Amino acid sequence: MFARNQIIACVVKQYGTGLYRSCVSLNQGNVICLSTHDDEQSATETINQFWQFWEACPKGETRRPEDVSLFIKSISTIPGSGEIALAA
């Protein structure tokens, strides 16, 4: 079996806080938290918007973790989206 990078997107529930984080991993060892929400539905919608953004970008143009900042900036003005954090 050959190795390849797979994009993983998920909603993470933070127990004890009642918050939900929209997260993506573009490659091994890299996780990006896109936003924090009060409800799971809003966090899931952020993931759906991320996939639309990702598919709309030409391959090779926006395919690095650093380029996801374009998407993060576009959602940072949406009501209900909270803090944004990057983790490696």
N, C-alpha and C. Protein backbone atom coordinates (compact mmCIF):
# COMPACT_ATOMS: atom_id res chain seq x y z
N MET A 1 0.84 -1.17 0.00
CA MET A 1 0.00 0.00 0.00
C MET A 1 0.89 1.24 0.00
N PHE A 2 0.57 2.21 -0.81
CA PHE A 2 1.39 3.41 -0.89
C PHE A 2 0.82 4.51 0.00
N ALA A 3 1.73 5.35 0.49
CA ALA A 3 1.33 6.42 1.41
C ALA A 3 0.91 7.66 0.62
N ARG A 4 -0.07 8.35 1.16
CA ARG A 4 -0.48 9.61 0.57
C ARG A 4 -1.08 10.48 1.66
N ASN A 5 -1.03 11.76 1.46
CA ASN A 5 -1.62 12.67 2.43
C ASN A 5 -3.12 12.70 2.26
N GLN A 6 -3.82 12.57 3.34
CA GLN A 6 -5.26 12.67 3.32
C GLN A 6 -5.67 13.83 4.21
N ILE A 7 -6.68 14.56 3.79
CA ILE A 7 -7.20 15.65 4.60
C ILE A 7 -8.27 15.08 5.52
N ILE A 8 -8.14 15.40 6.78
CA ILE A 8 -9.13 14.96 7.76
C ILE A 8 -9.78 16.21 8.34
N ALA A 9 -11.10 16.23 8.34
CA ALA A 9 -11.85 17.34 8.92
C ALA A 9 -12.83 16.77 9.94
N CYS A 10 -12.93 17.44 11.09
CA CYS A 10 -13.81 16.93 12.13
C CYS A 10 -14.27 18.04 13.05
N VAL A 11 -15.31 17.73 13.79
CA VAL A 11 -15.79 18.61 14.85
C VAL A 11 -15.42 17.95 16.17
N VAL A 12 -14.76 18.69 17.04
CA VAL A 12 -14.31 18.17 18.32
C VAL A 12 -15.12 18.84 19.43
N LYS A 13 -15.75 18.02 20.27
CA LYS A 13 -16.49 18.55 21.41
C LYS A 13 -15.55 18.65 22.59
N GLN A 14 -15.48 19.82 23.20
CA GLN A 14 -14.66 20.03 24.38
C GLN A 14 -15.52 19.82 25.60
N TYR A 15 -15.40 18.65 26.20
CA TYR A 15 -16.20 18.34 27.38
C TYR A 15 -15.88 19.29 28.52
N GLY A 16 -16.90 19.66 29.24
CA GLY A 16 -16.74 20.56 30.36
C GLY A 16 -16.86 22.02 29.98
N THR A 17 -16.78 22.32 28.69
CA THR A 17 -16.88 23.72 28.24
C THR A 17 -18.15 23.97 27.46
N GLY A 18 -18.70 22.92 26.85
CA GLY A 18 -19.86 23.09 25.99
C GLY A 18 -19.53 23.68 24.64
N LEU A 19 -18.24 23.71 24.29
CA LEU A 19 -17.82 24.29 23.01
C LEU A 19 -17.49 23.20 21.99
N TYR A 20 -17.60 23.56 20.73
CA TYR A 20 -17.27 22.67 19.62
C TYR A 20 -16.24 23.36 18.74
N ARG A 21 -15.19 22.63 18.36
CA ARG A 21 -14.16 23.18 17.48
C ARG A 21 -14.20 22.50 16.12
N SER A 22 -14.09 23.32 15.09
CA SER A 22 -13.97 22.82 13.71
C SER A 22 -12.49 22.71 13.42
N CYS A 23 -12.02 21.48 13.15
CA CYS A 23 -10.59 21.25 12.94
C CYS A 23 -10.33 20.51 11.64
N VAL A 24 -9.18 20.80 11.03
CA VAL A 24 -8.74 20.06 9.85
C VAL A 24 -7.27 19.68 10.02
N SER A 25 -6.90 18.58 9.41
CA SER A 25 -5.52 18.14 9.36
C SER A 25 -5.17 17.91 7.90
N LEU A 26 -4.21 18.68 7.40
CA LEU A 26 -3.83 18.58 5.99
C LEU A 26 -2.72 17.56 5.77
N ASN A 27 -1.97 17.26 6.82
CA ASN A 27 -0.93 16.24 6.72
C ASN A 27 -0.57 15.78 8.12
N GLN A 28 0.21 14.74 8.20
CA GLN A 28 0.57 14.16 9.49
C GLN A 28 1.32 15.18 10.34
N GLY A 29 0.90 15.31 11.58
CA GLY A 29 1.58 16.21 12.49
C GLY A 29 1.12 17.65 12.43
N ASN A 30 0.01 17.91 11.73
CA ASN A 30 -0.46 19.28 11.58
C ASN A 30 -1.97 19.32 11.78
N VAL A 31 -2.43 20.10 12.74
CA VAL A 31 -3.86 20.28 12.97
C VAL A 31 -4.15 21.77 13.00
N ILE A 32 -5.21 22.17 12.34
CA ILE A 32 -5.63 23.57 12.32
C ILE A 32 -7.03 23.66 12.89
N CYS A 33 -7.19 24.47 13.93
CA CYS A 33 -8.52 24.73 14.47
C CYS A 33 -9.06 25.94 13.73
N LEU A 34 -10.11 25.73 12.94
CA LEU A 34 -10.68 26.81 12.14
C LEU A 34 -11.48 27.78 12.97
N SER A 35 -12.27 27.26 13.91
CA SER A 35 -13.13 28.12 14.71
C SER A 35 -13.68 27.36 15.91
N THR A 36 -14.26 28.11 16.83
CA THR A 36 -14.91 27.55 18.01
C THR A 36 -16.35 28.02 18.03
N HIS A 37 -17.27 27.08 18.34
CA HIS A 37 -18.70 27.39 18.29
C HIS A 37 -19.41 26.92 19.56
N ASP A 38 -20.58 27.48 19.78
CA ASP A 38 -21.41 27.09 20.92
C ASP A 38 -22.24 25.85 20.62
N ASP A 39 -22.41 25.51 19.33
CA ASP A 39 -23.23 24.36 18.98
C ASP A 39 -22.58 23.55 17.86
N GLU A 40 -22.90 22.27 17.83
CA GLU A 40 -22.30 21.35 16.87
C GLU A 40 -22.70 21.68 15.43
N GLN A 41 -23.91 22.13 15.22
CA GLN A 41 -24.39 22.44 13.87
C GLN A 41 -23.56 23.55 13.23
N SER A 42 -23.25 24.61 13.98
CA SER A 42 -22.44 25.70 13.44
C SER A 42 -21.02 25.23 13.13
N ALA A 43 -20.47 24.38 13.99
CA ALA A 43 -19.13 23.86 13.76
C ALA A 43 -19.10 22.98 12.51
N THR A 44 -20.13 22.18 12.32
CA THR A 44 -20.22 21.34 11.13
C THR A 44 -20.36 22.18 9.87
N GLU A 45 -21.11 23.26 9.94
CA GLU A 45 -21.26 24.16 8.80
C GLU A 45 -19.92 24.77 8.41
N THR A 46 -19.09 25.08 9.39
CA THR A 46 -17.75 25.61 9.10
C THR A 46 -16.93 24.58 8.33
N ILE A 47 -17.02 23.31 8.72
CA ILE A 47 -16.32 22.24 7.98
C ILE A 47 -16.84 22.18 6.55
N ASN A 48 -18.16 22.25 6.36
CA ASN A 48 -18.73 22.23 5.02
C ASN A 48 -18.24 23.40 4.18
N GLN A 49 -18.17 24.58 4.78
CA GLN A 49 -17.65 25.75 4.08
C GLN A 49 -16.18 25.58 3.72
N PHE A 50 -15.43 24.95 4.62
CA PHE A 50 -14.02 24.68 4.33
C PHE A 50 -13.89 23.81 3.08
N TRP A 51 -14.69 22.74 2.99
CA TRP A 51 -14.60 21.84 1.81
C TRP A 51 -14.96 22.59 0.53
N GLN A 52 -15.96 23.46 0.59
CA GLN A 52 -16.33 24.25 -0.59
C GLN A 52 -15.17 25.16 -1.00
N PHE A 53 -14.55 25.80 -0.02
CA PHE A 53 -13.39 26.66 -0.28
C PHE A 53 -12.25 25.84 -0.88
N TRP A 54 -11.95 24.69 -0.28
CA TRP A 54 -10.84 23.85 -0.71
C TRP A 54 -11.03 23.36 -2.14
N GLU A 55 -12.24 22.93 -2.46
CA GLU A 55 -12.52 22.42 -3.80
C GLU A 55 -12.53 23.53 -4.86
N ALA A 56 -12.85 24.76 -4.45
CA ALA A 56 -12.90 25.88 -5.39
C ALA A 56 -11.52 26.40 -5.76
N CYS A 57 -10.52 26.12 -4.94
CA CYS A 57 -9.16 26.60 -5.19
C CYS A 57 -8.46 25.67 -6.17
N PRO A 58 -7.78 26.24 -7.17
CA PRO A 58 -7.05 25.38 -8.10
C PRO A 58 -5.96 24.60 -7.39
N LYS A 59 -5.78 23.36 -7.79
CA LYS A 59 -4.75 22.51 -7.18
C LYS A 59 -3.39 23.15 -7.39
N GLY A 60 -2.60 23.12 -6.34
CA GLY A 60 -1.28 23.71 -6.40
C GLY A 60 -1.27 25.17 -5.98
N GLU A 61 -2.45 25.80 -5.96
CA GLU A 61 -2.51 27.21 -5.57
C GLU A 61 -2.76 27.37 -4.08
N THR A 62 -3.71 26.64 -3.55
CA THR A 62 -4.03 26.72 -2.12
C THR A 62 -4.09 25.30 -1.58
N ARG A 63 -2.95 24.77 -1.27
CA ARG A 63 -2.91 23.40 -0.79
C ARG A 63 -1.95 23.22 0.38
N ARG A 64 -1.57 24.30 1.03
CA ARG A 64 -0.65 24.22 2.16
C ARG A 64 -1.35 24.69 3.43
N PRO A 65 -0.92 24.25 4.60
CA PRO A 65 -1.54 24.71 5.84
C PRO A 65 -1.52 26.23 5.97
N GLU A 66 -0.47 26.88 5.51
CA GLU A 66 -0.37 28.32 5.61
C GLU A 66 -1.46 29.02 4.79
N ASP A 67 -1.90 28.40 3.72
CA ASP A 67 -2.90 29.00 2.85
C ASP A 67 -4.31 28.95 3.44
N VAL A 68 -4.50 28.13 4.44
CA VAL A 68 -5.81 28.02 5.08
C VAL A 68 -6.17 29.33 5.78
N SER A 69 -5.18 30.17 6.04
CA SER A 69 -5.46 31.46 6.67
C SER A 69 -6.42 32.30 5.83
N LEU A 70 -6.42 32.11 4.51
CA LEU A 70 -7.38 32.81 3.64
C LEU A 70 -8.81 32.42 4.03
N PHE A 71 -9.02 31.13 4.24
CA PHE A 71 -10.34 30.67 4.64
C PHE A 71 -10.69 31.17 6.04
N ILE A 72 -9.75 31.10 6.95
CA ILE A 72 -10.00 31.53 8.32
C ILE A 72 -10.40 33.01 8.35
N LYS A 73 -9.72 33.83 7.57
CA LYS A 73 -10.06 35.25 7.50
C LYS A 73 -11.46 35.44 6.96
N SER A 74 -11.86 34.61 6.02
CA SER A 74 -13.20 34.76 5.42
C SER A 74 -14.31 34.39 6.39
N ILE A 75 -14.04 33.48 7.34
CA ILE A 75 -15.09 33.10 8.29
C ILE A 75 -15.02 33.87 9.59
N SER A 76 -13.95 34.61 9.81
CA SER A 76 -13.80 35.30 11.10
C SER A 76 -14.83 36.40 11.28
N THR A 77 -15.51 36.80 10.21
CA THR A 77 -16.54 37.84 10.31
C THR A 77 -17.93 37.25 10.44
N ILE A 78 -18.04 35.93 10.42
CA ILE A 78 -19.35 35.27 10.54
C ILE A 78 -19.77 35.25 11.99
N PRO A 79 -20.98 35.74 12.31
CA PRO A 79 -21.45 35.69 13.71
C PRO A 79 -21.49 34.25 14.20
N GLY A 80 -21.08 34.05 15.44
CA GLY A 80 -21.12 32.71 16.03
C GLY A 80 -19.82 31.97 15.91
N SER A 81 -18.92 32.44 15.05
CA SER A 81 -17.61 31.78 14.98
C SER A 81 -16.72 32.46 16.00
N GLY A 82 -15.98 31.67 16.73
CA GLY A 82 -15.20 32.20 17.84
C GLY A 82 -13.73 32.29 17.52
N GLU A 83 -12.93 32.01 18.51
CA GLU A 83 -11.50 32.13 18.38
C GLU A 83 -10.93 31.17 17.35
N ILE A 84 -9.77 31.49 16.87
CA ILE A 84 -9.10 30.67 15.89
C ILE A 84 -7.71 30.34 16.40
N ALA A 85 -7.30 29.09 16.30
CA ALA A 85 -5.99 28.69 16.80
C ALA A 85 -5.33 27.73 15.82
N LEU A 86 -4.03 27.81 15.74
CA LEU A 86 -3.26 26.89 14.90
C LEU A 86 -2.39 26.04 15.82
N ALA A 87 -2.29 24.78 15.50
CA ALA A 87 -1.45 23.88 16.30
C ALA A 87 -0.67 22.99 15.36
N ALA A 88 0.56 22.71 15.72
CA ALA A 88 1.37 21.82 14.88
C ALA A 88 1.79 20.63 15.68
